[in-house]
Amino acid sequence: PDKEQYHSGLDLKSLALNFASALLFVLPLAMYFYPEFIQKEIAVVVMSFVVAVLVPPMGWMRPHPYSDMPGNLPYPRKKD
């Protein structure tokens, strides 16, 4: 029998959302220490969230194996 693959959260969508969220948490520090670059810092955070939303599967939700939506399932991993 084929064993079901465990979803580790290391797909591109999860990584992109984690990176964008980390930038969001660092943003207040960057704005405090480098106030001359506030617009660029905000633009970087906004663009990171735009990229995270556009990474397949499209949308704001992380893919997970028990999703009711077929478009929100993680991509299958390569067989060893």
Protein backbone atom coordinates (compact mmCIF):
# COMPACT_ATOMS: atom_id res chain seq x y z
CA PRO A 1 0.00 0.00 0.00
CA ASP A 2 1.11 3.54 -0.79
CA LYS A 3 1.87 5.48 2.38
CA GLU A 4 0.45 9.02 2.54
CA GLN A 5 3.15 11.71 2.40
CA TYR A 6 3.48 13.98 5.42
CA HIS A 7 3.18 17.66 4.52
CA SER A 8 6.20 19.34 6.11
CA GLY A 9 5.30 22.96 5.28
CA LEU A 10 8.38 23.32 3.09
CA ASP A 11 6.48 24.08 -0.10
CA LEU A 12 7.01 27.39 -1.90
CA LYS A 13 3.73 28.90 -0.70
CA SER A 14 4.46 28.26 2.99
CA LEU A 15 8.03 29.53 2.65
CA ALA A 16 6.90 32.69 0.83
CA LEU A 17 4.25 33.42 3.48
CA ASN A 18 6.74 32.80 6.29
CA PHE A 19 9.29 35.14 4.69
CA ALA A 20 6.71 37.89 4.11
CA SER A 21 5.45 37.58 7.69
CA ALA A 22 9.01 37.79 9.03
CA LEU A 23 9.57 40.97 7.03
CA LEU A 24 6.36 42.40 8.47
CA PHE A 25 7.63 41.81 12.02
CA VAL A 26 11.02 43.38 11.21
CA LEU A 27 9.42 46.42 9.54
CA PRO A 28 8.95 48.53 12.73
CA LEU A 29 12.62 48.06 13.64
CA ALA A 30 13.72 49.02 10.15
CA MET A 31 11.47 52.08 10.22
CA TYR A 32 12.92 53.13 13.58
CA PHE A 33 16.59 52.64 12.69
CA TYR A 34 16.39 53.78 9.05
CA PRO A 35 13.63 56.43 8.83
CA GLU A 36 15.03 57.82 5.58
CA PHE A 37 13.99 54.61 3.76
CA ILE A 38 10.44 54.21 5.13
CA GLN A 39 8.71 54.16 1.74
CA LYS A 40 11.14 51.59 0.34
CA GLU A 41 10.85 49.41 3.44
CA ILE A 42 7.06 49.40 3.23
CA ALA A 43 7.24 48.68 -0.50
CA VAL A 44 9.47 45.65 0.13
CA VAL A 45 7.02 44.23 2.68
CA VAL A 46 4.01 44.84 0.42
CA MET A 47 5.76 43.27 -2.57
CA SER A 48 6.75 40.24 -0.50
CA PHE A 49 3.08 39.67 0.38
CA VAL A 50 2.07 40.15 -3.27
CA VAL A 51 4.62 37.53 -4.30
CA ALA A 52 3.41 35.21 -1.52
CA VAL A 53 -0.17 35.47 -2.76
CA LEU A 54 0.85 34.84 -6.38
CA VAL A 55 2.97 31.75 -5.62
CA PRO A 56 0.98 28.66 -6.60
CA PRO A 57 -1.54 27.67 -5.43
CA MET A 58 -2.88 31.19 -5.91
CA GLY A 59 -4.49 32.83 -2.91
CA TRP A 60 -3.78 33.63 0.69
CA MET A 61 -4.18 30.16 2.22
CA ARG A 62 -1.37 27.71 2.86
CA PRO A 63 -1.76 24.39 1.08
CA HIS A 64 -2.53 21.46 3.32
CA PRO A 65 -3.29 17.82 2.57
CA TYR A 66 -6.74 17.78 4.22
CA SER A 67 -8.17 20.73 2.29
CA ASP A 68 -11.68 20.47 0.87
CA MET A 69 -10.60 22.65 -2.04
CA PRO A 70 -8.71 20.74 -4.75
CA GLY A 71 -6.68 23.85 -5.67
CA ASN A 72 -5.35 24.16 -2.13
CA LEU A 73 -3.66 20.76 -1.94
CA PRO A 74 0.15 20.66 -1.72
CA TYR A 75 2.07 19.46 -4.73
CA PRO A 76 3.07 15.82 -4.39
CA ARG A 77 6.69 15.19 -3.47
CA LYS A 78 8.97 13.19 -5.72
CA LYS A 79 9.11 9.49 -5.01
CA ASP A 80 12.49 8.31 -3.76
